[in-house]
N, C-alpha and C. Protein backbone atom coordinates (compact mmCIF):
# COMPACT_ATOMS: atom_id res chain seq x y z
N MET A 1 -77.14 -106.02 151.12
CA MET A 1 -77.55 -104.63 151.47
C MET A 1 -75.91 -104.45 150.16
N ASP A 2 -76.49 -103.64 149.43
CA ASP A 2 -75.90 -102.58 148.29
C ASP A 2 -74.26 -102.29 148.79
N ILE A 3 -73.19 -102.29 149.28
CA ILE A 3 -72.08 -101.81 149.94
C ILE A 3 -71.48 -100.98 148.75
N MET A 4 -71.12 -99.84 149.13
CA MET A 4 -69.94 -99.14 148.48
C MET A 4 -68.40 -98.68 148.54
N VAL A 5 -67.86 -98.90 148.16
CA VAL A 5 -66.62 -98.57 148.07
C VAL A 5 -66.02 -97.46 147.82
N LEU A 6 -65.54 -96.70 148.97
CA LEU A 6 -64.73 -95.37 148.99
C LEU A 6 -63.59 -94.98 148.94
N GLY A 7 -62.87 -94.84 147.97
CA GLY A 7 -61.15 -94.50 148.20
C GLY A 7 -60.86 -93.21 148.61
N VAL A 8 -59.80 -92.92 149.67
CA VAL A 8 -59.33 -91.76 149.64
C VAL A 8 -58.05 -91.83 149.91
N ALA A 9 -57.52 -91.28 149.03
CA ALA A 9 -56.08 -90.88 148.69
C ALA A 9 -55.37 -89.98 148.62
N GLY A 10 -54.10 -89.71 148.73
CA GLY A 10 -52.96 -88.47 148.56
C GLY A 10 -51.93 -88.35 149.37
N GLY A 11 -51.40 -87.86 149.29
CA GLY A 11 -50.12 -87.76 149.97
C GLY A 11 -49.88 -87.54 151.45
N THR A 12 -48.76 -87.75 152.67
CA THR A 12 -48.42 -87.73 153.10
C THR A 12 -48.83 -86.20 153.98
N GLY A 13 -49.79 -86.08 155.22
CA GLY A 13 -50.34 -84.93 155.87
C GLY A 13 -51.30 -84.28 154.79
N SER A 14 -51.87 -84.54 154.03
CA SER A 14 -52.93 -83.64 153.13
C SER A 14 -53.90 -83.55 153.54
N GLY A 15 -54.57 -84.47 154.69
CA GLY A 15 -56.07 -84.18 155.22
C GLY A 15 -56.75 -85.41 154.90
N LYS A 16 -56.30 -86.98 154.22
CA LYS A 16 -57.21 -87.87 154.44
C LYS A 16 -57.56 -88.48 155.82
N THR A 17 -57.01 -88.12 156.57
CA THR A 17 -57.76 -88.44 157.89
C THR A 17 -58.38 -87.77 158.50
N THR A 18 -58.29 -86.27 158.33
CA THR A 18 -59.51 -85.54 158.67
C THR A 18 -60.54 -85.59 158.05
N LEU A 19 -60.53 -85.72 156.53
CA LEU A 19 -61.83 -85.75 155.73
C LEU A 19 -62.47 -87.52 156.12
N THR A 20 -61.82 -88.15 156.10
CA THR A 20 -62.01 -89.85 156.90
C THR A 20 -62.93 -89.65 158.04
N ARG A 21 -62.52 -88.84 158.96
CA ARG A 21 -62.96 -88.35 160.34
C ARG A 21 -64.10 -88.21 160.53
N THR A 22 -64.73 -86.74 159.67
CA THR A 22 -65.34 -85.41 158.86
C THR A 22 -66.89 -86.24 158.48
N LEU A 23 -66.19 -87.68 157.61
CA LEU A 23 -67.63 -88.28 157.00
C LEU A 23 -67.79 -89.59 157.90
N LYS A 24 -66.81 -90.01 158.55
CA LYS A 24 -67.19 -91.46 159.95
C LYS A 24 -68.31 -90.50 160.94
N GLU A 25 -68.19 -89.01 161.58
CA GLU A 25 -68.81 -88.44 162.35
C GLU A 25 -70.11 -88.41 162.00
N ARG A 26 -69.70 -88.15 160.69
CA ARG A 26 -71.30 -87.67 159.99
C ARG A 26 -72.41 -89.21 159.95
N PHE A 27 -71.94 -89.94 159.63
CA PHE A 27 -72.32 -91.28 158.85
C PHE A 27 -72.40 -92.10 160.09
N GLY A 28 -71.76 -92.09 161.39
CA GLY A 28 -71.43 -93.01 162.10
C GLY A 28 -71.24 -94.62 161.75
N GLY A 29 -72.19 -95.75 162.10
CA GLY A 29 -71.79 -97.29 161.93
C GLY A 29 -72.23 -97.42 160.35
N GLN A 30 -72.70 -96.03 159.81
CA GLN A 30 -72.82 -97.03 158.23
C GLN A 30 -71.82 -96.81 157.50
N ILE A 31 -70.58 -96.16 158.12
CA ILE A 31 -69.16 -96.00 157.33
C ILE A 31 -68.23 -97.35 158.07
N SER A 32 -67.74 -98.38 157.72
CA SER A 32 -66.77 -99.05 158.11
C SER A 32 -65.37 -98.42 157.33
N VAL A 33 -64.40 -98.25 158.32
CA VAL A 33 -63.20 -98.04 157.80
C VAL A 33 -61.55 -98.27 157.78
N ILE A 34 -61.52 -98.53 156.32
CA ILE A 34 -60.10 -99.92 156.86
C ILE A 34 -58.52 -98.85 155.82
N SER A 35 -57.67 -99.27 156.38
CA SER A 35 -56.58 -98.32 156.17
C SER A 35 -55.08 -98.93 155.92
N HIS A 36 -54.38 -98.32 155.02
CA HIS A 36 -53.82 -98.96 154.00
C HIS A 36 -52.55 -99.29 155.34
N ASP A 37 -52.68 -98.14 155.95
CA ASP A 37 -51.36 -98.30 156.94
C ASP A 37 -51.33 -99.25 157.52
N ASN A 38 -52.60 -100.40 158.28
CA ASN A 38 -52.42 -101.30 158.58
C ASN A 38 -51.89 -102.58 157.96
N TYR A 39 -51.50 -102.14 157.14
CA TYR A 39 -50.98 -103.03 156.04
C TYR A 39 -49.78 -103.33 155.62
N TYR A 40 -49.07 -102.45 156.30
CA TYR A 40 -47.45 -102.76 156.21
C TYR A 40 -46.93 -103.98 156.34
N LYS A 41 -46.37 -104.69 155.71
CA LYS A 41 -45.33 -106.00 156.03
C LYS A 41 -44.86 -105.95 157.92
N ARG A 42 -44.90 -107.59 158.42
CA ARG A 42 -44.40 -107.86 159.12
C ARG A 42 -42.95 -107.82 158.91
N GLN A 43 -42.10 -107.33 160.18
CA GLN A 43 -40.42 -107.23 159.98
C GLN A 43 -39.88 -107.73 161.00
N ASP A 44 -40.66 -109.06 161.34
CA ASP A 44 -39.84 -109.72 162.91
C ASP A 44 -38.26 -110.15 162.64
N HIS A 45 -38.11 -109.94 160.99
CA HIS A 45 -36.65 -110.46 161.01
C HIS A 45 -35.79 -109.46 160.85
N LEU A 46 -35.87 -107.85 161.22
CA LEU A 46 -35.32 -107.37 161.29
C LEU A 46 -35.17 -106.87 162.61
N THR A 47 -33.35 -106.30 162.86
CA THR A 47 -33.64 -105.66 164.31
C THR A 47 -34.59 -104.16 163.82
N TYR A 48 -34.65 -103.28 165.07
CA TYR A 48 -35.49 -102.19 165.16
C TYR A 48 -34.81 -101.09 164.03
N GLU A 49 -33.25 -101.29 164.10
CA GLU A 49 -32.50 -100.51 163.47
C GLU A 49 -32.74 -100.11 161.80
N GLU A 50 -32.55 -101.89 161.52
CA GLU A 50 -32.94 -101.68 160.07
C GLU A 50 -34.27 -101.68 159.84
N ARG A 51 -35.51 -101.86 160.62
CA ARG A 51 -36.64 -101.20 160.56
C ARG A 51 -37.42 -100.04 160.31
N CYS A 52 -36.02 -99.24 160.73
CA CYS A 52 -36.09 -97.69 161.05
C CYS A 52 -35.43 -97.23 159.41
N LYS A 53 -34.63 -98.35 159.19
CA LYS A 53 -34.08 -97.77 157.53
C LYS A 53 -35.33 -98.21 156.18
N THR A 54 -36.08 -98.85 156.57
CA THR A 54 -37.57 -99.50 155.35
C THR A 54 -37.69 -98.46 154.89
N ASN A 55 -37.93 -98.36 153.62
CA ASN A 55 -38.26 -97.38 152.65
C ASN A 55 -39.85 -97.57 152.85
N TYR A 56 -40.58 -97.18 153.71
CA TYR A 56 -42.08 -97.36 153.98
C TYR A 56 -43.15 -96.48 153.11
N ASP A 57 -42.61 -96.13 151.98
CA ASP A 57 -43.70 -95.34 151.00
C ASP A 57 -43.40 -96.04 149.96
N HIS A 58 -42.85 -96.80 149.74
CA HIS A 58 -42.51 -97.79 148.71
C HIS A 58 -43.72 -98.75 148.27
N PRO A 59 -44.40 -99.09 147.63
CA PRO A 59 -45.69 -100.04 147.27
C PRO A 59 -45.09 -101.47 148.21
N ASP A 60 -43.93 -101.52 147.94
CA ASP A 60 -43.49 -103.10 148.26
C ASP A 60 -43.35 -103.14 149.76
N ALA A 61 -43.36 -101.45 150.28
CA ALA A 61 -43.65 -101.72 152.03
C ALA A 61 -45.06 -102.34 152.53
N PHE A 62 -46.03 -102.72 151.44
CA PHE A 62 -47.32 -103.13 152.21
C PHE A 62 -47.74 -104.71 151.96
N ASP A 63 -48.74 -105.07 152.16
CA ASP A 63 -48.97 -106.34 152.03
C ASP A 63 -50.29 -106.01 150.85
N THR A 64 -50.03 -105.31 150.37
CA THR A 64 -51.61 -105.39 149.39
C THR A 64 -52.27 -106.41 149.03
N ASP A 65 -51.78 -107.22 148.46
CA ASP A 65 -52.61 -108.64 148.40
C ASP A 65 -53.73 -108.47 149.26
N LEU A 66 -53.04 -108.94 150.76
CA LEU A 66 -54.16 -109.06 151.76
C LEU A 66 -55.24 -108.03 151.50
N MET A 67 -54.82 -106.81 152.02
CA MET A 67 -56.04 -105.82 152.10
C MET A 67 -56.89 -106.07 150.36
N VAL A 68 -56.23 -106.82 149.46
CA VAL A 68 -57.29 -106.54 148.19
C VAL A 68 -58.37 -107.58 148.77
N GLN A 69 -57.50 -108.90 149.55
CA GLN A 69 -58.32 -110.34 149.69
C GLN A 69 -59.83 -109.39 150.56
N HIS A 70 -59.53 -109.00 152.00
CA HIS A 70 -59.86 -108.36 153.00
C HIS A 70 -61.08 -107.15 152.40
N LEU A 71 -60.42 -106.20 151.34
CA LEU A 71 -62.11 -105.25 150.76
C LEU A 71 -62.95 -106.33 149.96
N ALA A 72 -62.36 -107.47 149.48
CA ALA A 72 -63.47 -108.33 148.70
C ALA A 72 -64.35 -108.76 149.30
N GLN A 73 -64.25 -109.81 150.60
CA GLN A 73 -64.44 -109.73 151.81
C GLN A 73 -65.63 -109.10 152.60
N LEU A 74 -65.10 -108.15 152.56
CA LEU A 74 -66.07 -107.17 153.08
C LEU A 74 -67.21 -106.75 152.07
N LYS A 75 -66.79 -106.48 150.74
CA LYS A 75 -67.51 -106.10 149.91
C LYS A 75 -68.62 -107.13 149.72
N SER A 76 -68.29 -108.30 149.83
CA SER A 76 -69.06 -109.28 149.53
C SER A 76 -70.14 -109.61 151.48
N GLY A 77 -70.04 -109.01 152.32
CA GLY A 77 -70.49 -108.80 152.92
C GLY A 77 -69.91 -109.86 154.40
N SER A 78 -68.96 -109.86 154.05
CA SER A 78 -68.26 -111.13 155.34
C SER A 78 -67.44 -109.96 156.05
N PRO A 79 -66.97 -110.39 157.68
CA PRO A 79 -65.92 -109.30 158.86
C PRO A 79 -64.30 -109.62 158.22
N VAL A 80 -63.57 -108.75 158.80
CA VAL A 80 -62.34 -109.22 158.29
C VAL A 80 -61.88 -109.02 159.91
N LEU A 81 -60.45 -109.80 159.67
CA LEU A 81 -59.77 -109.21 160.86
C LEU A 81 -58.38 -108.31 160.44
N CYS A 82 -58.14 -107.25 160.38
CA CYS A 82 -57.50 -106.82 160.06
C CYS A 82 -56.25 -106.22 160.72
N PRO A 83 -54.96 -106.55 160.66
CA PRO A 83 -53.74 -106.52 161.18
C PRO A 83 -53.49 -104.90 162.16
N VAL A 84 -53.53 -104.86 163.15
CA VAL A 84 -53.04 -103.28 163.37
C VAL A 84 -51.07 -103.40 163.38
N TYR A 85 -50.90 -102.07 162.83
CA TYR A 85 -49.49 -101.49 162.87
C TYR A 85 -48.82 -100.51 163.95
N ASP A 86 -47.73 -100.83 164.72
CA ASP A 86 -47.34 -100.08 165.87
C ASP A 86 -46.10 -99.44 165.00
N PHE A 87 -46.53 -97.70 165.04
CA PHE A 87 -45.65 -97.04 164.42
C PHE A 87 -44.40 -96.76 165.13
N SER A 88 -44.22 -96.68 166.27
CA SER A 88 -43.44 -96.66 166.98
C SER A 88 -41.79 -97.80 167.01
N GLN A 89 -42.91 -98.99 166.80
CA GLN A 89 -41.90 -100.24 166.48
C GLN A 89 -41.76 -100.58 164.82
N HIS A 90 -42.27 -99.74 164.33
CA HIS A 90 -41.74 -100.18 162.53
C HIS A 90 -42.31 -101.50 162.57
N ASN A 91 -43.60 -102.04 163.08
CA ASN A 91 -43.75 -103.30 163.34
C ASN A 91 -45.34 -103.64 163.22
N ARG A 92 -45.73 -104.51 162.57
CA ARG A 92 -47.08 -104.84 163.43
C ARG A 92 -47.20 -105.51 164.65
N SER A 93 -48.14 -105.33 165.09
CA SER A 93 -48.32 -105.33 166.32
C SER A 93 -49.24 -106.78 166.76
N ALA A 94 -49.40 -107.44 168.03
CA ALA A 94 -50.16 -108.76 167.57
C ALA A 94 -51.42 -108.67 167.58
N ASP A 95 -52.24 -107.79 167.70
CA ASP A 95 -53.48 -107.29 167.66
C ASP A 95 -53.97 -107.22 166.31
N LEU A 96 -55.14 -107.75 166.32
CA LEU A 96 -56.29 -107.82 165.16
C LEU A 96 -57.13 -106.69 165.68
N LEU A 97 -57.66 -106.14 164.13
CA LEU A 97 -59.08 -105.54 164.15
C LEU A 97 -60.35 -105.98 163.79
N GLU A 98 -61.00 -106.15 164.40
CA GLU A 98 -62.09 -106.47 163.32
C GLU A 98 -63.30 -105.39 162.68
N ILE A 99 -63.21 -105.64 161.11
CA ILE A 99 -63.86 -104.67 160.91
C ILE A 99 -65.23 -105.21 160.17
N ARG A 100 -66.18 -104.76 160.28
CA ARG A 100 -67.70 -105.60 160.15
C ARG A 100 -68.08 -104.18 158.43
N PRO A 101 -68.64 -105.48 157.84
CA PRO A 101 -69.34 -104.72 156.82
C PRO A 101 -70.33 -103.65 157.07
N ALA A 102 -70.21 -102.16 156.07
CA ALA A 102 -71.40 -101.06 156.51
C ALA A 102 -71.72 -101.06 154.52
N PRO A 103 -72.97 -99.95 154.83
CA PRO A 103 -73.60 -99.56 153.48
C PRO A 103 -71.75 -98.74 152.55
N VAL A 104 -71.25 -98.34 153.31
CA VAL A 104 -69.89 -97.31 153.05
C VAL A 104 -68.99 -98.17 153.36
N ILE A 105 -68.10 -98.70 152.47
CA ILE A 105 -66.68 -98.92 153.22
C ILE A 105 -65.55 -97.95 152.43
N LEU A 106 -64.79 -97.15 153.58
CA LEU A 106 -63.80 -95.99 153.32
C LEU A 106 -62.56 -97.02 153.50
N VAL A 107 -61.93 -96.89 152.34
CA VAL A 107 -60.35 -96.88 152.22
C VAL A 107 -59.72 -96.18 151.64
N GLU A 108 -58.17 -96.25 153.04
CA GLU A 108 -57.77 -94.43 152.85
C GLU A 108 -56.20 -95.03 153.02
N GLY A 109 -55.25 -94.46 152.44
CA GLY A 109 -54.00 -95.00 152.45
C GLY A 109 -53.30 -93.50 151.31
N ILE A 110 -52.06 -93.66 151.41
CA ILE A 110 -51.10 -92.49 150.42
C ILE A 110 -51.32 -93.44 149.23
N LEU A 111 -51.08 -94.78 149.57
CA LEU A 111 -50.79 -95.49 147.75
C LEU A 111 -52.09 -96.46 147.50
N ILE A 112 -53.03 -95.84 147.90
CA ILE A 112 -54.16 -97.36 147.59
C ILE A 112 -54.49 -97.02 145.93
N PHE A 113 -54.38 -95.79 145.40
CA PHE A 113 -54.81 -95.64 143.78
C PHE A 113 -53.43 -96.40 143.06
N ALA A 114 -52.13 -96.47 143.57
CA ALA A 114 -51.13 -97.51 143.01
C ALA A 114 -51.11 -98.57 142.87
N SER A 115 -52.36 -99.18 143.25
CA SER A 115 -52.63 -100.49 142.97
C SER A 115 -53.94 -100.50 142.15
N PRO A 116 -54.00 -101.44 140.51
CA PRO A 116 -55.17 -101.45 140.12
C PRO A 116 -55.91 -102.13 140.66
N GLU A 117 -55.59 -103.60 141.23
CA GLU A 117 -56.30 -104.40 141.80
C GLU A 117 -57.33 -103.80 143.04
N LEU A 118 -56.79 -102.69 144.02
CA LEU A 118 -57.41 -102.07 144.65
C LEU A 118 -58.58 -101.26 144.03
N CYS A 119 -58.24 -100.42 143.12
CA CYS A 119 -58.63 -99.09 142.41
C CYS A 119 -60.30 -100.44 141.74
N ASN A 120 -60.21 -101.11 141.28
CA ASN A 120 -60.90 -102.05 140.83
C ASN A 120 -61.83 -102.75 141.82
N LEU A 121 -61.93 -102.26 143.17
CA LEU A 121 -62.46 -102.83 143.94
C LEU A 121 -63.64 -101.42 144.35
N MET A 122 -63.57 -100.07 144.19
CA MET A 122 -63.72 -99.10 144.47
C MET A 122 -64.49 -98.39 143.17
N ASP A 123 -65.84 -97.91 144.06
CA ASP A 123 -66.68 -97.04 143.44
C ASP A 123 -66.34 -95.63 143.22
N ILE A 124 -66.08 -95.07 144.13
CA ILE A 124 -65.49 -93.53 144.28
C ILE A 124 -64.17 -93.18 144.51
N LYS A 125 -63.64 -93.33 143.64
CA LYS A 125 -61.96 -92.61 144.03
C LYS A 125 -61.48 -91.20 144.31
N VAL A 126 -61.13 -90.85 145.80
CA VAL A 126 -60.84 -89.14 145.89
C VAL A 126 -59.33 -89.34 146.00
N PHE A 127 -58.74 -88.22 145.63
CA PHE A 127 -57.64 -87.75 145.62
C PHE A 127 -57.66 -86.44 146.63
N VAL A 128 -56.85 -86.20 148.42
CA VAL A 128 -56.84 -85.15 148.42
C VAL A 128 -55.54 -84.42 148.15
N ASP A 129 -55.53 -83.42 147.97
CA ASP A 129 -54.55 -82.50 146.94
C ASP A 129 -54.15 -81.36 148.03
N THR A 130 -52.88 -81.39 148.57
CA THR A 130 -52.11 -80.36 149.11
C THR A 130 -51.22 -79.80 148.93
N ASP A 131 -50.97 -78.68 148.92
CA ASP A 131 -49.40 -78.35 149.04
C ASP A 131 -48.75 -78.92 149.84
N ALA A 132 -47.03 -79.43 149.12
CA ALA A 132 -46.11 -80.25 150.12
C ALA A 132 -45.67 -78.86 150.97
N ASP A 133 -45.78 -78.07 150.98
CA ASP A 133 -45.07 -77.20 152.29
C ASP A 133 -45.88 -77.62 153.49
N VAL A 134 -47.27 -77.48 153.58
CA VAL A 134 -47.88 -78.23 154.25
C VAL A 134 -48.33 -79.39 154.84
N ARG A 135 -48.02 -79.88 153.66
CA ARG A 135 -47.92 -81.57 154.22
C ARG A 135 -46.86 -81.79 154.92
N ILE A 136 -45.66 -81.33 155.03
CA ILE A 136 -44.35 -82.03 155.31
C ILE A 136 -44.45 -81.13 157.28
N LEU A 137 -45.12 -80.17 157.18
CA LEU A 137 -45.09 -79.35 158.26
C LEU A 137 -45.98 -80.28 158.85
N ARG A 138 -47.35 -80.39 158.31
CA ARG A 138 -48.63 -81.42 159.54
C ARG A 138 -47.74 -82.63 160.07
N ARG A 139 -47.09 -83.55 159.07
CA ARG A 139 -46.09 -84.31 159.24
C ARG A 139 -45.22 -84.66 160.54
N ILE A 140 -44.47 -83.63 160.48
CA ILE A 140 -43.12 -82.93 161.18
C ILE A 140 -44.36 -83.21 162.67
N VAL A 141 -45.66 -82.27 163.30
CA VAL A 141 -45.80 -82.35 164.01
C VAL A 141 -46.66 -84.09 164.09
N ARG A 142 -47.47 -84.60 162.98
CA ARG A 142 -47.89 -85.81 163.97
C ARG A 142 -47.01 -87.01 164.12
N ASP A 143 -45.65 -86.81 163.55
CA ASP A 143 -44.45 -88.27 163.84
C ASP A 143 -43.79 -88.00 165.34
N VAL A 144 -43.91 -86.58 165.68
CA VAL A 144 -43.03 -86.07 166.52
C VAL A 144 -43.71 -86.10 168.08
N LYS A 145 -45.35 -85.92 167.58
CA LYS A 145 -46.32 -86.01 168.73
C LYS A 145 -46.78 -87.14 168.83
N LYS A 146 -47.17 -87.63 167.84
CA LYS A 146 -48.25 -89.09 168.08
C LYS A 146 -47.16 -90.48 168.18
N ARG A 147 -45.95 -90.02 167.24
CA ARG A 147 -45.49 -91.45 166.75
C ARG A 147 -43.96 -91.39 167.60
N GLY A 148 -43.63 -90.79 168.51
CA GLY A 148 -42.47 -90.70 169.17
C GLY A 148 -41.57 -90.84 168.48
N ARG A 149 -41.40 -89.97 167.22
CA ARG A 149 -40.13 -89.89 166.66
C ARG A 149 -39.18 -88.61 166.66
N THR A 150 -38.12 -88.21 166.29
CA THR A 150 -37.38 -86.66 166.51
C THR A 150 -37.42 -86.03 165.16
N LEU A 151 -37.32 -84.77 165.46
CA LEU A 151 -37.30 -84.44 164.50
C LEU A 151 -36.40 -84.51 163.61
N ASP A 152 -35.11 -84.90 163.77
CA ASP A 152 -34.22 -85.02 162.59
C ASP A 152 -34.59 -86.32 161.83
N SER A 153 -35.17 -87.38 162.30
CA SER A 153 -35.95 -88.68 162.01
C SER A 153 -36.77 -88.23 160.45
N VAL A 154 -37.87 -87.67 161.18
CA VAL A 154 -38.72 -87.25 160.26
C VAL A 154 -38.59 -86.48 159.07
N VAL A 155 -37.19 -85.54 159.53
CA VAL A 155 -36.78 -84.54 157.88
C VAL A 155 -36.16 -85.61 157.12
N THR A 156 -34.98 -86.40 157.65
CA THR A 156 -34.45 -87.32 156.95
C THR A 156 -35.12 -88.25 156.57
N GLN A 157 -36.30 -88.90 156.79
CA GLN A 157 -36.59 -89.75 156.37
C GLN A 157 -37.78 -89.04 155.01
N TYR A 158 -38.32 -88.07 155.48
CA TYR A 158 -39.07 -87.31 154.33
C TYR A 158 -38.23 -87.08 153.27
N LEU A 159 -37.02 -86.57 153.12
CA LEU A 159 -36.05 -86.51 152.03
C LEU A 159 -35.65 -87.61 151.53
N THR A 160 -35.55 -88.66 151.68
CA THR A 160 -34.85 -89.72 151.81
C THR A 160 -35.93 -90.80 150.58
N THR A 161 -37.05 -90.73 151.27
CA THR A 161 -37.78 -91.62 150.79
C THR A 161 -39.36 -91.33 150.54
N VAL A 162 -39.70 -90.35 151.69
CA VAL A 162 -40.91 -89.66 151.24
C VAL A 162 -41.26 -88.85 150.21
N LYS A 163 -40.73 -87.95 150.07
CA LYS A 163 -40.68 -87.09 148.92
C LYS A 163 -40.17 -87.49 147.47
N PRO A 164 -39.29 -88.20 147.17
CA PRO A 164 -39.07 -89.28 146.15
C PRO A 164 -40.13 -90.13 146.04
N MET A 165 -40.48 -90.64 146.94
CA MET A 165 -41.93 -91.63 146.41
C MET A 165 -43.17 -91.33 145.90
N HIS A 166 -43.41 -90.04 146.79
CA HIS A 166 -44.48 -89.26 146.51
C HIS A 166 -44.41 -88.96 145.33
N GLU A 167 -43.46 -88.55 144.45
CA GLU A 167 -42.90 -87.94 143.25
C GLU A 167 -43.38 -88.90 142.23
N GLN A 168 -42.81 -90.40 142.74
CA GLN A 168 -42.40 -91.53 141.79
C GLN A 168 -44.20 -92.27 141.94
N PHE A 169 -44.64 -92.75 142.51
CA PHE A 169 -46.18 -93.55 142.75
C PHE A 169 -47.49 -92.77 143.50
N VAL A 170 -47.00 -91.58 144.10
CA VAL A 170 -48.24 -90.87 144.84
C VAL A 170 -49.19 -90.15 143.43
N GLU A 171 -48.25 -89.02 143.27
CA GLU A 171 -48.74 -88.32 142.11
C GLU A 171 -49.33 -88.73 141.01
N PRO A 172 -48.49 -89.59 140.44
CA PRO A 172 -48.93 -90.37 139.13
C PRO A 172 -50.02 -91.11 139.46
N SER A 173 -50.55 -91.17 141.02
CA SER A 173 -52.05 -92.29 140.96
C SER A 173 -53.03 -91.37 140.77
N LYS A 174 -52.99 -90.07 141.25
CA LYS A 174 -53.86 -89.01 141.20
C LYS A 174 -54.93 -89.13 139.56
N ARG A 175 -54.22 -89.72 138.73
CA ARG A 175 -54.53 -89.51 137.58
C ARG A 175 -55.99 -91.23 137.89
N ARG A 176 -56.21 -91.63 138.74
CA ARG A 176 -57.25 -92.62 138.48
C ARG A 176 -58.31 -92.07 139.51
N ALA A 177 -57.69 -91.34 140.38
CA ALA A 177 -58.66 -90.45 140.98
C ALA A 177 -60.20 -89.79 140.09
N ASP A 178 -61.65 -90.08 141.04
CA ASP A 178 -62.77 -89.65 140.40
C ASP A 178 -63.21 -88.25 140.34
N LEU A 179 -62.46 -87.64 141.65
CA LEU A 179 -62.67 -86.28 142.87
C LEU A 179 -60.99 -86.01 143.02
N ILE A 180 -60.74 -84.76 142.69
CA ILE A 180 -59.79 -84.40 143.60
C ILE A 180 -60.23 -83.15 144.27
N ILE A 181 -59.76 -83.28 145.75
CA ILE A 181 -60.17 -82.19 146.51
C ILE A 181 -59.33 -81.46 146.95
N PRO A 182 -59.01 -80.30 146.47
CA PRO A 182 -57.89 -79.58 146.92
C PRO A 182 -58.36 -79.42 148.76
N GLU A 183 -57.16 -79.30 149.83
CA GLU A 183 -56.98 -79.06 151.71
C GLU A 183 -57.73 -80.09 152.20
N GLY A 184 -58.55 -81.28 151.13
CA GLY A 184 -58.87 -82.40 152.02
C GLY A 184 -60.28 -82.18 152.92
N GLY A 185 -60.41 -82.24 153.97
CA GLY A 185 -61.55 -81.93 154.85
C GLY A 185 -62.01 -80.69 155.24
N LYS A 186 -60.95 -80.09 155.06
CA LYS A 186 -61.10 -78.62 154.88
C LYS A 186 -61.59 -77.92 153.97
N ASN A 187 -62.38 -78.31 153.18
CA ASN A 187 -62.49 -77.76 151.83
C ASN A 187 -64.53 -78.19 152.00
N ALA A 188 -64.58 -77.04 152.31
CA ALA A 188 -66.25 -77.49 152.90
C ALA A 188 -66.97 -77.76 151.59
N VAL A 189 -67.12 -77.06 150.79
CA VAL A 189 -68.07 -77.41 149.42
C VAL A 189 -67.77 -78.53 148.90
N ALA A 190 -66.89 -79.10 148.54
CA ALA A 190 -65.99 -80.43 148.00
C ALA A 190 -66.96 -81.82 148.84
N VAL A 191 -66.58 -80.87 150.85
CA VAL A 191 -67.07 -82.59 151.47
C VAL A 191 -68.71 -81.92 151.12
N GLU A 192 -69.09 -81.38 151.08
CA GLU A 192 -70.66 -81.06 151.09
C GLU A 192 -70.87 -82.20 150.13
N MET A 193 -70.72 -82.20 148.96
CA MET A 193 -70.99 -82.90 147.53
C MET A 193 -70.68 -84.46 147.62
N LEU A 194 -69.91 -84.42 148.49
CA LEU A 194 -69.29 -86.13 148.92
C LEU A 194 -70.29 -86.68 149.66
N ILE A 195 -70.87 -85.91 150.78
CA ILE A 195 -71.61 -86.20 151.52
C ILE A 195 -73.21 -86.74 151.40
N HIS A 196 -73.69 -85.31 150.07
CA HIS A 196 -74.75 -85.72 149.28
C HIS A 196 -74.60 -86.97 148.70
N ARG A 197 -73.64 -87.12 147.82
CA ARG A 197 -73.56 -88.61 146.84
C ARG A 197 -74.09 -90.01 148.26
N LEU A 198 -73.26 -89.65 149.43
CA LEU A 198 -73.23 -90.88 150.07
C LEU A 198 -74.46 -90.90 150.91
N GLU A 199 -75.28 -89.80 150.97
CA GLU A 199 -76.31 -90.29 151.28
C GLU A 199 -77.55 -90.42 149.99
N SER A 200 -77.41 -90.16 149.45
CA SER A 200 -78.48 -90.94 147.84
C SER A 200 -78.11 -92.57 147.66
N HIS A 201 -76.71 -92.93 148.12
CA HIS A 201 -76.52 -94.18 148.40
C HIS A 201 -77.30 -94.74 149.14
N LEU A 202 -77.09 -94.47 150.89
CA LEU A 202 -77.46 -95.00 151.75
C LEU A 202 -79.52 -94.80 151.70
N ASN A 203 -79.76 -93.76 150.86
CA ASN A 203 -81.23 -93.41 151.03
C ASN A 203 -82.18 -94.40 150.11
N ALA A 204 -81.18 -95.02 149.14
CA ALA A 204 -81.42 -96.30 148.32
C ALA A 204 -81.36 -97.48 148.94
N GLN A 205 -80.78 -97.49 149.74
CA GLN A 205 -80.93 -98.68 150.91
C GLN A 205 -81.85 -99.19 151.45
N SER A 206 -82.33 -97.98 152.19
CA SER A 206 -83.59 -97.97 153.18
C SER A 206 -84.96 -97.94 152.26
């Protein structure tokens, strides 16, 4: 099986998940998704209060070496056991998620293009580019409704770490992208182009 690796990066709330979901719904089991968020480092040595103060938007917050290892295994045709992150506890859970190889492996995350090692394993790199005002509003809704955060904590985190880390690491990583998609999954023309490219790859396998 000739495996294509598609990287989808972009700032918080940019629409990466919408784009990923659109492609997954279109291609089903022909795509396996691996998320950088699940590779946040384990923090059992810290109290919950200390974990709340960690800068989760810096590349050092991730065990990217493990993700590189897992992605290389998937690309070679071997399944992996991926960690599972619990955002309500700011720590890894005890669960593991089996990810199996597929004709297309979609790698998703804010900082995946900040890692040259990850980029070297990707065949196509897509950056989802969305206005900062839209992104912060989406993040507030997501973190309050889905991750049990307070409005104050989301705003404080955004101003102290998310925004400065975006400017320092995420935005510059856009230069490594092969394709920049404004508005992510809502950009029907760009999504259709990407679907056509994946279809060509999948058709070549049959």
